[in-house]
Amino acid sequence: MSSRIQSHIAFPEPLLAFHPDRASDRETHPLRGLLRFGPHSKGLVPDPIRVATIAPHGESGRLYDFMKQLNSSHQPIERREYLPEWPGFHRVFGLHMKGAGGACHVELDSSVEGEFQDSSTPQIVLADRLVRAVQALETRRPDFDVLFIYLPQRWEAGFVGKAGDDFDLHDHLKAATAARRLPIQIVREDKALSYPCRASVMWRVGLALYAKAGGVPWKLADVDPETAYIGISYAQRPVESDRPRFVTCCSQVFDAEGSGLEFVAYDAHEFDLQRDNPFLSRTEMFRVMTRSMDLYRRRHAGRTPRRVMVHKTTEFKREEVDGCMEALHLCEAVDLVQIVESVGWRGVRIDPQGGATRGAAAGYPVARGTLVGLSPRECLLWTHGDVRGISDRGAYFQGSRSTPVPLRLVRHAGHGTWDDAARAVLALSKMDWNNDALYDPLPVTLGYSKVLARVVKRMRGLGSAPYQFRFFM
């Protein structure tokens, strides 16, 4: 028996589309594409985007100054091989952003500072005051589009709970505002107001603001128009909670262009717990997939996709496979793919040039998009690595640190080569509109579902209606 693994193949960097009709408006670099072509949904988002604010007592001015910076230009001082100049919000997105009317700006009472300092649970004090401020703005909801909430660094003790306390202020606020269908942007002093690279901050916040106002910055360019992508994740509530322990969060059902603006979630009741991971019964998985397909058909004039790819981080047990197949029986092809992040594999790129150094490790890592087959059911895919055509220097390695770790893809249902499944994972890693990076290590099917599950588990009533993702970003 040979111990040699299969030869590798390399997929090109996926293209992004910046216009619904013009095939020429394509680019691998998301920010460069926005500068060249404008956003995909140009002209479809109300102009201007009106911003409401919540700030500490006497500090609204700092938030207003920050908002003004979004309309100014800034040169990058970090990631210069990737990050372009920020030319101002209007230049990037083709519309304006401004502060909403005067009644849409709230300052917390000055007494918050004393209560916060004196309390043994400052996170509870802070969360309560901020949620009450949000409630005060609800009557003004028709007058603004997105809410900015400013958190100074001196409140850091209230951002998370103490050891063993399952509390996160960010997720708590997202849960409270998502239930009210209100998109928010949390503006932290350390990560936004005082962060040295203003261009980096403006790109991140500008992208998030546009998406939270209902915009679509870009979509995928070259994908099968009859394939749907689904990501499944689970969140665990504390044992002492009076609600079901696990919430099943089905991430957006992404269509062929990678655009998924809604998702479904519900409490899981029938599952087998192994290694602190829930594995759904056939009935529960059937419910998840059926609701996902209903969501897809509602967005696609009743049409059923020809092919469905389902991603999750744990293996698909036999009952889960059967539940998927029963719910997706109208689809011609179903791929159930487990995506494993923590693997022991590493790859080193060998310099192919001759001379004394022939066979030595190259000065840059394995190329992003490299796939190595391990068996008919498993392969390694590098979603993190060297990318060409991004930097003027040739090679671009996002982060420029450590040896990139591949993802291990395990197929529990499906046939054929790994090409389609691997291309999909690679392309979907570029669909996070809440990030200015070239890509994420995970496809958005799993990246989003993890975020959604973390927030959804804190919501009191899930309901049966789909949620828009922009309320959870």
Protein backbone atom coordinates (compact mmCIF):
# COMPACT_ATOMS: atom_id res chain seq x y z
CA MET A 1 0.00 0.00 0.00
CA SER A 2 1.44 3.38 -1.01
CA SER A 3 1.73 6.18 1.55
CA ARG A 4 1.82 8.87 -1.14
CA ILE A 5 -1.04 11.34 -1.26
CA GLN A 6 -2.63 12.52 -4.48
CA SER A 7 -1.21 15.30 -6.61
CA HIS A 8 -2.54 18.73 -5.78
CA ILE A 9 -4.65 20.99 -7.96
CA ALA A 10 -5.09 24.75 -7.66
CA PHE A 11 -8.24 26.78 -8.21
CA PRO A 12 -8.05 30.43 -9.29
CA GLU A 13 -9.15 33.21 -6.96
CA PRO A 14 -12.97 33.57 -7.33
CA LEU A 15 -14.31 36.64 -9.09
CA LEU A 16 -16.88 38.98 -7.55
CA ALA A 17 -19.67 40.71 -9.49
CA PHE A 18 -20.44 44.40 -9.00
CA HIS A 19 -23.37 44.76 -11.41
CA PRO A 20 -26.45 42.55 -11.93
CA ASP A 21 -26.17 42.63 -15.74
CA ARG A 22 -22.75 43.83 -16.90
CA ALA A 23 -20.42 40.84 -16.99
CA SER A 24 -17.45 43.18 -17.35
CA ASP A 25 -17.93 44.59 -13.84
CA ARG A 26 -15.90 41.85 -12.13
CA GLU A 27 -12.90 41.88 -9.83
CA THR A 28 -11.14 39.50 -7.44
CA HIS A 29 -10.34 42.32 -4.97
CA PRO A 30 -13.60 43.37 -3.22
CA LEU A 31 -12.52 46.91 -2.28
CA ARG A 32 -10.88 47.59 -5.61
CA GLY A 33 -14.05 46.37 -7.29
CA LEU A 34 -16.14 48.83 -5.29
CA LEU A 35 -13.86 51.69 -6.31
CA ARG A 36 -13.93 50.69 -9.99
CA PHE A 37 -17.59 49.77 -10.42
CA GLY A 38 -19.58 50.77 -7.32
CA PRO A 39 -21.76 48.35 -5.31
CA HIS A 40 -23.90 45.62 -6.86
CA SER A 41 -27.13 47.23 -5.60
CA LYS A 42 -26.19 50.74 -6.72
CA GLY A 43 -29.31 52.94 -6.95
CA LEU A 44 -31.46 50.58 -4.90
CA VAL A 45 -30.61 51.86 -1.40
CA PRO A 46 -32.38 55.01 -0.16
CA ASP A 47 -30.21 58.14 -0.32
CA PRO A 48 -29.16 59.35 2.19
CA ILE A 49 -28.61 56.67 4.83
CA ARG A 50 -29.76 58.29 8.07
CA VAL A 51 -27.84 57.43 11.23
CA ALA A 52 -29.22 57.66 14.77
CA THR A 53 -26.87 57.59 17.78
CA ILE A 54 -26.57 56.54 21.42
CA ALA A 55 -23.58 57.88 23.36
CA PRO A 56 -22.42 58.45 26.96
CA HIS A 57 -23.45 61.68 28.65
CA GLY A 58 -21.72 64.65 27.01
CA GLU A 59 -19.90 62.56 24.36
CA SER A 60 -22.18 62.67 21.33
CA GLY A 61 -19.70 65.05 19.73
CA ARG A 62 -17.06 62.34 19.54
CA LEU A 63 -19.47 60.11 17.65
CA TYR A 64 -20.51 62.92 15.31
CA ASP A 65 -16.84 63.62 14.52
CA PHE A 66 -16.35 59.92 13.75
CA MET A 67 -19.32 59.96 11.37
CA LYS A 68 -17.83 63.00 9.59
CA GLN A 69 -14.66 61.00 9.00
CA LEU A 70 -16.67 58.55 6.90
CA ASN A 71 -17.21 61.37 4.41
CA SER A 72 -13.50 62.25 4.24
CA SER A 73 -10.59 60.54 2.49
CA HIS A 74 -7.94 58.54 4.37
CA GLN A 75 -4.70 56.89 3.30
CA PRO A 76 -3.91 53.42 4.70
CA ILE A 77 -0.99 52.98 7.09
CA GLU A 78 -1.42 49.20 7.44
CA ARG A 79 -1.93 46.34 4.95
CA ARG A 80 -0.79 48.72 2.21
CA GLU A 81 -0.29 45.90 -0.29
CA TYR A 82 -4.05 45.23 -0.05
CA LEU A 83 -5.91 48.19 1.45
CA PRO A 84 -6.68 51.06 -0.98
CA GLU A 85 -7.30 54.66 -0.03
CA TRP A 86 -10.70 55.36 1.50
CA PRO A 87 -12.05 58.21 -0.70
CA GLY A 88 -15.21 58.92 1.30
CA PHE A 89 -18.56 57.15 1.67
CA HIS A 90 -20.21 58.83 -1.32
CA ARG A 91 -17.30 58.06 -3.64
CA VAL A 92 -17.45 54.35 -2.76
CA PHE A 93 -21.18 53.68 -2.62
CA GLY A 94 -22.69 56.46 -4.71
CA LEU A 95 -24.94 57.79 -1.96
CA HIS A 96 -24.72 59.92 1.14
CA MET A 97 -24.84 59.20 4.84
CA LYS A 98 -25.81 61.77 7.44
CA GLY A 99 -27.11 62.12 10.97
CA ALA A 100 -30.83 61.58 11.41
CA GLY A 101 -33.13 64.25 12.88
CA GLY A 102 -32.39 65.73 16.30
CA ALA A 103 -34.81 63.50 18.19
CA CYS A 104 -32.88 60.41 16.96
CA HIS A 105 -29.83 61.08 19.14
CA VAL A 106 -29.77 59.88 22.76
CA GLU A 107 -27.23 60.47 25.50
CA LEU A 108 -27.23 58.22 28.56
CA ASP A 109 -27.88 59.84 31.91
CA SER A 110 -24.78 60.97 33.79
CA SER A 111 -25.70 58.68 36.70
CA VAL A 112 -24.70 55.65 34.61
CA GLU A 113 -21.02 56.23 35.40
CA GLY A 114 -21.50 55.96 39.18
CA GLU A 115 -23.81 52.96 38.96
CA PHE A 116 -21.38 51.25 36.61
CA GLN A 117 -18.38 51.78 38.91
CA ASP A 118 -20.23 50.76 42.10
CA SER A 119 -21.91 47.63 40.74
CA SER A 120 -20.54 44.11 41.14
CA THR A 121 -22.21 43.32 37.81
CA PRO A 122 -21.32 46.33 35.62
CA GLN A 123 -22.27 44.42 32.47
CA ILE A 124 -25.89 44.21 33.68
CA VAL A 125 -26.01 47.93 34.47
CA LEU A 126 -24.60 48.84 31.07
CA ALA A 127 -26.80 46.44 29.12
CA ASP A 128 -29.94 47.63 30.89
CA ARG A 129 -29.24 51.31 30.25
CA LEU A 130 -28.38 50.76 26.60
CA VAL A 131 -31.47 48.65 25.93
CA ARG A 132 -33.63 51.32 27.56
CA ALA A 133 -32.03 53.91 25.27
CA VAL A 134 -32.84 51.72 22.28
CA GLN A 135 -36.43 51.44 23.45
CA ALA A 136 -36.62 55.24 23.66
CA LEU A 137 -35.65 55.45 19.99
CA GLU A 138 -38.27 52.96 18.83
CA THR A 139 -40.90 55.67 18.47
CA ARG A 140 -38.55 57.43 16.01
CA ARG A 141 -37.89 54.30 13.93
CA PRO A 142 -39.29 55.75 10.64
CA ASP A 143 -36.79 58.63 10.93
CA PHE A 144 -33.52 56.66 10.77
CA ASP A 145 -31.98 53.65 9.00
CA VAL A 146 -29.07 52.50 11.18
CA LEU A 147 -28.22 53.12 14.84
CA PHE A 148 -24.64 53.81 16.00
CA ILE A 149 -23.88 52.96 19.66
CA TYR A 150 -20.67 54.41 21.09
CA LEU A 151 -18.86 52.42 23.81
CA PRO A 152 -15.85 54.15 25.45
CA GLN A 153 -12.92 52.05 26.59
CA ARG A 154 -13.51 52.91 30.27
CA TRP A 155 -16.61 50.69 30.11
CA GLU A 156 -14.59 47.63 29.15
CA ALA A 157 -15.48 45.86 32.41
CA GLY A 158 -19.07 45.71 31.16
CA PHE A 159 -18.33 44.21 27.75
CA VAL A 160 -18.29 40.60 29.02
CA GLY A 161 -19.40 38.79 32.15
CA LYS A 162 -17.22 37.27 34.83
CA ALA A 163 -15.74 33.78 34.50
CA GLY A 164 -18.52 31.27 33.99
CA ASP A 165 -21.07 33.97 33.13
CA ASP A 166 -22.39 33.50 29.60
CA PHE A 167 -22.69 37.20 28.83
CA ASP A 168 -21.40 39.25 25.91
CA LEU A 169 -22.56 42.86 25.55
CA HIS A 170 -22.20 42.83 21.76
CA ASP A 171 -24.38 39.73 21.39
CA HIS A 172 -26.83 40.95 24.02
CA LEU A 173 -27.39 44.23 22.16
CA LYS A 174 -27.69 42.44 18.82
CA ALA A 175 -30.31 40.10 20.26
CA ALA A 176 -32.30 43.00 21.75
CA THR A 177 -32.23 45.09 18.58
CA ALA A 178 -32.71 42.23 16.11
CA ALA A 179 -35.98 41.39 17.83
CA ARG A 180 -37.01 44.99 17.06
CA ARG A 181 -35.81 44.73 13.41
CA LEU A 182 -33.31 47.50 14.09
CA PRO A 183 -29.78 47.36 12.56
CA ILE A 184 -27.03 48.70 14.82
CA GLN A 185 -23.34 49.47 14.49
CA ILE A 186 -21.38 49.24 17.73
CA VAL A 187 -18.57 51.82 17.72
CA ARG A 188 -15.90 51.01 20.29
CA GLU A 189 -13.37 53.64 21.22
CA ASP A 190 -10.36 51.30 20.96
CA LYS A 191 -11.37 49.63 17.69
CA ALA A 192 -12.85 52.63 15.89
CA LEU A 193 -12.34 56.10 17.35
CA SER A 194 -8.70 55.68 18.41
CA TYR A 195 -7.55 52.97 16.01
CA PRO A 196 -4.46 54.32 14.18
CA CYS A 197 -5.31 53.32 10.59
CA ARG A 198 -8.31 55.47 9.73
CA ALA A 199 -8.62 53.99 6.22
CA SER A 200 -9.00 50.51 7.70
CA VAL A 201 -11.70 51.68 10.12
CA MET A 202 -13.59 53.57 7.40
CA TRP A 203 -13.61 50.58 5.03
CA ARG A 204 -14.92 48.24 7.75
CA VAL A 205 -17.56 50.60 9.09
CA GLY A 206 -18.53 51.91 5.65
CA LEU A 207 -19.13 48.39 4.31
CA ALA A 208 -21.11 47.43 7.39
CA LEU A 209 -23.21 50.61 7.24
CA TYR A 210 -24.09 50.05 3.58
CA ALA A 211 -25.05 46.40 4.16
CA LYS A 212 -27.03 47.17 7.32
CA ALA A 213 -29.00 49.79 5.40
CA GLY A 214 -30.06 47.03 3.00
CA GLY A 215 -27.32 47.29 0.37
CA VAL A 216 -25.50 44.47 -1.45
CA PRO A 217 -21.83 45.39 -1.98
CA TRP A 218 -20.97 42.45 -4.27
CA LYS A 219 -22.04 38.95 -5.26
CA LEU A 220 -20.26 35.90 -6.66
CA ALA A 221 -19.59 35.98 -10.38
CA ASP A 222 -19.02 32.40 -11.59
CA VAL A 223 -21.25 29.87 -9.88
CA ASP A 224 -23.87 27.34 -10.88
CA PRO A 225 -27.18 29.27 -11.02
CA GLU A 226 -29.12 26.17 -9.95
CA THR A 227 -27.19 25.41 -6.75
CA ALA A 228 -28.16 26.44 -3.22
CA TYR A 229 -25.79 26.51 -0.23
CA ILE A 230 -26.88 25.95 3.37
CA GLY A 231 -24.87 26.25 6.58
CA ILE A 232 -25.92 24.70 9.90
CA SER A 233 -24.61 25.69 13.31
CA TYR A 234 -25.72 25.16 16.91
CA ALA A 235 -25.48 27.31 20.02
CA GLN A 236 -25.62 26.00 23.56
CA ARG A 237 -27.55 27.84 26.26
CA PRO A 238 -26.44 27.65 29.90
CA VAL A 239 -27.61 24.55 31.74
CA GLU A 240 -29.58 26.70 34.21
CA SER A 241 -31.60 28.29 31.39
CA ASP A 242 -35.33 27.54 31.39
CA ARG A 243 -35.30 27.24 27.58
CA PRO A 244 -34.18 24.30 25.40
CA ARG A 245 -30.45 23.75 25.70
CA PHE A 246 -29.62 24.00 21.99
CA VAL A 247 -30.76 26.38 19.33
CA THR A 248 -30.38 25.20 15.76
CA CYS A 249 -29.32 28.08 13.60
CA CYS A 250 -29.60 27.50 9.90
CA SER A 251 -27.52 30.18 8.29
CA GLN A 252 -28.76 32.02 5.24
CA VAL A 253 -29.78 29.78 2.42
CA PHE A 254 -27.36 31.19 -0.11
CA ASP A 255 -28.34 31.24 -3.74
CA ALA A 256 -26.04 30.79 -6.71
CA GLU A 257 -24.60 34.30 -6.39
CA GLY A 258 -23.76 33.88 -2.71
CA SER A 259 -26.49 36.28 -1.64
CA GLY A 260 -28.45 35.17 1.40
CA LEU A 261 -30.23 37.93 3.25
CA GLU A 262 -32.49 35.81 5.46
CA PHE A 263 -32.17 32.76 7.67
CA VAL A 264 -34.28 30.48 9.86
CA ALA A 265 -33.65 29.33 13.44
CA TYR A 266 -35.49 27.30 16.06
CA ASP A 267 -34.97 25.36 19.28
CA ALA A 268 -33.84 21.77 18.81
CA HIS A 269 -35.73 19.18 20.86
CA GLU A 270 -34.80 15.81 19.33
CA PHE A 271 -31.05 15.31 19.30
CA ASP A 272 -28.32 12.99 20.51
CA LEU A 273 -25.59 14.75 22.48
CA GLN A 274 -22.04 13.56 21.79
CA ARG A 275 -18.86 15.41 22.79
CA ASP A 276 -21.04 18.44 23.67
CA ASN A 277 -22.31 18.52 20.08
CA PRO A 278 -25.95 17.86 19.19
CA PHE A 279 -26.71 15.48 16.34
CA LEU A 280 -30.28 15.89 15.14
CA SER A 281 -32.83 13.16 14.75
CA ARG A 282 -34.14 12.38 11.28
CA THR A 283 -37.30 14.36 12.06
CA GLU A 284 -35.41 17.44 13.30
CA MET A 285 -33.07 17.48 10.31
CA PHE A 286 -36.04 17.07 7.99
CA ARG A 287 -37.60 20.16 9.62
CA VAL A 288 -34.39 22.20 9.20
CA MET A 289 -33.98 21.31 5.53
CA THR A 290 -37.67 21.72 4.74
CA ARG A 291 -37.79 25.21 6.21
CA SER A 292 -34.59 26.09 4.39
CA MET A 293 -36.02 24.96 1.07
CA ASP A 294 -39.23 26.88 1.75
CA LEU A 295 -37.11 30.00 2.26
CA TYR A 296 -35.23 29.39 -0.99
CA ARG A 297 -38.41 28.81 -3.01
CA ARG A 298 -40.00 31.94 -1.58
CA ARG A 299 -37.07 33.97 -2.90
CA HIS A 300 -36.91 32.17 -6.24
CA ALA A 301 -40.52 32.18 -7.48
CA GLY A 302 -41.26 28.69 -6.18
CA ARG A 303 -38.32 27.06 -7.97
CA THR A 304 -36.42 24.19 -6.34
CA PRO A 305 -32.63 24.19 -6.81
CA ARG A 306 -31.16 21.43 -8.93
CA ARG A 307 -28.34 20.93 -6.42
CA VAL A 308 -27.95 21.64 -2.71
CA MET A 309 -24.70 21.76 -0.72
CA VAL A 310 -25.01 21.61 3.07
CA HIS A 311 -22.08 22.60 5.32
CA LYS A 312 -21.55 21.93 9.02
CA THR A 313 -18.52 21.51 11.26
CA THR A 314 -19.45 18.14 12.75
CA GLU A 315 -20.04 14.88 10.92
CA PHE A 316 -23.44 13.99 9.47
CA LYS A 317 -24.85 11.01 11.36
CA ARG A 318 -26.96 8.47 9.48
CA GLU A 319 -30.24 9.90 10.80
CA GLU A 320 -29.17 13.38 9.72
CA VAL A 321 -28.27 12.15 6.25
CA ASP A 322 -31.64 10.43 5.96
CA GLY A 323 -33.48 13.57 7.11
CA CYS A 324 -31.64 15.67 4.52
CA MET A 325 -32.34 13.23 1.71
CA GLU A 326 -36.02 13.03 2.59
CA ALA A 327 -36.42 16.82 2.63
CA LEU A 328 -34.33 17.37 -0.52
CA HIS A 329 -35.74 14.54 -2.62
CA LEU A 330 -36.76 16.92 -5.43
CA CYS A 331 -33.14 17.99 -5.96
CA GLU A 332 -31.05 16.11 -8.48
CA ALA A 333 -27.88 16.25 -6.36
CA VAL A 334 -27.23 16.70 -2.63
CA ASP A 335 -23.76 17.20 -1.13
CA LEU A 336 -23.39 16.96 2.65
CA VAL A 337 -19.95 18.30 3.49
CA GLN A 338 -18.33 18.46 6.91
CA ILE A 339 -15.77 21.30 7.16
CA VAL A 340 -13.13 20.73 9.83
CA GLU A 341 -11.00 23.68 10.96
CA SER A 342 -8.56 22.06 13.39
CA VAL A 343 -6.38 19.66 11.44
CA GLY A 344 -2.83 18.43 11.92
CA TRP A 345 -1.89 18.91 8.30
CA ARG A 346 0.44 21.65 7.10
CA GLY A 347 1.79 22.38 3.65
CA VAL A 348 5.07 23.89 2.50
CA ARG A 349 5.55 25.34 -0.95
CA ILE A 350 8.72 24.07 -2.62
CA ASP A 351 10.75 26.40 -4.82
CA PRO A 352 10.76 24.79 -8.28
CA GLN A 353 13.77 26.76 -9.51
CA GLY A 354 17.06 25.00 -10.23
CA GLY A 355 20.42 25.68 -8.67
CA ALA A 356 21.71 25.07 -5.20
CA THR A 357 18.38 25.91 -3.57
CA ARG A 358 16.31 23.50 -5.65
CA GLY A 359 13.86 21.68 -3.40
CA ALA A 360 14.05 24.30 -0.66
CA ALA A 361 10.98 25.88 0.88
CA ALA A 362 9.76 28.93 -1.01
CA GLY A 363 9.62 32.37 0.57
CA TYR A 364 5.83 32.43 0.44
CA PRO A 365 3.18 29.91 1.55
CA VAL A 366 0.97 27.42 -0.23
CA ALA A 367 -1.36 29.13 -2.67
CA ARG A 368 -4.92 29.80 -1.55
CA GLY A 369 -7.17 27.49 -3.56
CA THR A 370 -4.80 24.51 -3.36
CA LEU A 371 -6.59 21.16 -2.99
CA VAL A 372 -4.99 17.84 -2.05
CA GLY A 373 -7.10 14.69 -2.10
CA LEU A 374 -6.73 12.32 0.83
CA SER A 375 -9.36 9.76 -0.20
CA PRO A 376 -12.56 9.64 -2.27
CA ARG A 377 -14.36 11.10 0.78
CA GLU A 378 -11.78 13.55 2.14
CA CYS A 379 -9.56 16.35 0.90
CA LEU A 380 -7.57 19.31 2.18
CA LEU A 381 -8.41 22.79 0.88
CA TRP A 382 -6.29 25.86 1.59
CA THR A 383 -8.68 28.81 1.94
CA HIS A 384 -5.82 30.77 3.52
CA GLY A 385 -2.57 31.28 1.66
CA ASP A 386 -0.75 33.14 -1.09
CA VAL A 387 -2.88 35.03 -3.63
CA ARG A 388 -1.54 36.52 -6.86
CA GLY A 389 -2.89 39.61 -8.60
CA ILE A 390 -3.75 41.47 -5.40
CA SER A 391 -0.50 43.20 -4.54
CA ASP A 392 1.94 44.99 -6.84
CA ARG A 393 4.66 42.88 -5.24
CA GLY A 394 3.17 39.70 -6.71
CA ALA A 395 2.52 37.48 -3.69
CA TYR A 396 -0.08 38.51 -1.10
CA PHE A 397 -0.43 36.53 2.14
CA GLN A 398 -3.26 37.91 4.28
CA GLY A 399 -2.06 38.46 7.83
CA SER A 400 1.54 37.53 6.87
CA ARG A 401 1.89 35.28 9.91
CA SER A 402 2.42 31.55 10.55
CA THR A 403 1.94 28.63 8.18
CA PRO A 404 -1.60 28.55 6.75
CA VAL A 405 -3.73 25.65 7.95
CA PRO A 406 -5.99 23.91 5.42
CA LEU A 407 -9.60 22.96 5.95
CA ARG A 408 -10.43 19.26 5.83
CA LEU A 409 -13.54 18.57 3.77
CA VAL A 410 -15.35 15.31 4.43
CA ARG A 411 -18.18 14.33 2.13
CA HIS A 412 -20.96 12.34 3.84
CA ALA A 413 -23.23 12.32 0.77
CA GLY A 414 -22.65 13.22 -2.85
CA HIS A 415 -20.68 11.97 -5.83
CA GLY A 416 -18.08 13.04 -8.36
CA THR A 417 -14.87 15.03 -8.01
CA TRP A 418 -14.16 17.63 -5.35
CA ASP A 419 -14.08 20.47 -7.87
CA ASP A 420 -17.58 21.89 -7.38
CA ALA A 421 -17.63 21.55 -3.59
CA ALA A 422 -14.14 23.04 -3.19
CA ARG A 423 -14.83 25.92 -5.57
CA ALA A 424 -18.00 26.71 -3.62
CA VAL A 425 -16.19 26.78 -0.26
CA LEU A 426 -13.47 29.00 -1.73
CA ALA A 427 -15.95 31.43 -3.29
CA LEU A 428 -18.20 31.61 -0.22
CA SER A 429 -15.19 32.59 1.90
CA LYS A 430 -15.36 35.99 0.12
CA MET A 431 -18.97 36.82 0.97
CA ASP A 432 -18.68 38.41 4.41
CA TRP A 433 -19.97 41.98 4.00
CA ASN A 434 -19.06 42.77 7.62
CA ASN A 435 -15.35 42.55 6.90
CA ASP A 436 -12.97 44.43 4.61
CA ALA A 437 -10.56 41.49 4.16
CA LEU A 438 -10.03 39.64 0.88
CA TYR A 439 -11.48 36.48 2.41
CA ASP A 440 -12.34 34.65 5.61
CA PRO A 441 -10.87 31.23 6.51
CA LEU A 442 -14.39 29.74 6.58
CA PRO A 443 -17.12 29.91 3.95
CA VAL A 444 -19.86 32.34 4.84
CA THR A 445 -22.30 29.46 5.26
CA LEU A 446 -20.51 28.55 8.48
CA GLY A 447 -19.05 31.93 9.41
CA TYR A 448 -22.46 33.59 9.42
CA SER A 449 -24.23 30.65 11.05
CA LYS A 450 -21.83 30.76 14.00
CA VAL A 451 -22.50 34.47 14.52
CA LEU A 452 -26.24 33.99 14.14
CA ALA A 453 -26.39 31.07 16.55
CA ARG A 454 -24.41 33.00 19.18
CA VAL A 455 -26.89 35.89 19.06
CA VAL A 456 -30.10 33.95 18.49
CA LYS A 457 -29.62 31.86 21.63
CA ARG A 458 -30.05 35.09 23.65
CA MET A 459 -33.38 35.98 22.06
CA ARG A 460 -36.48 35.23 24.08
CA GLY A 461 -38.83 34.17 21.31
CA LEU A 462 -37.55 32.83 18.02
CA GLY A 463 -40.82 32.72 16.12
CA SER A 464 -41.27 31.04 12.75
CA ALA A 465 -40.66 34.01 10.43
CA PRO A 466 -37.26 34.32 8.70
CA TYR A 467 -34.81 36.91 10.01
CA GLN A 468 -32.77 39.33 7.94
CA PHE A 469 -29.08 38.92 8.57
CA ARG A 470 -28.38 42.66 8.52
CA PHE A 471 -29.95 42.91 12.00
CA PHE A 472 -27.30 40.53 13.36
CA MET A 473 -24.14 41.89 11.67
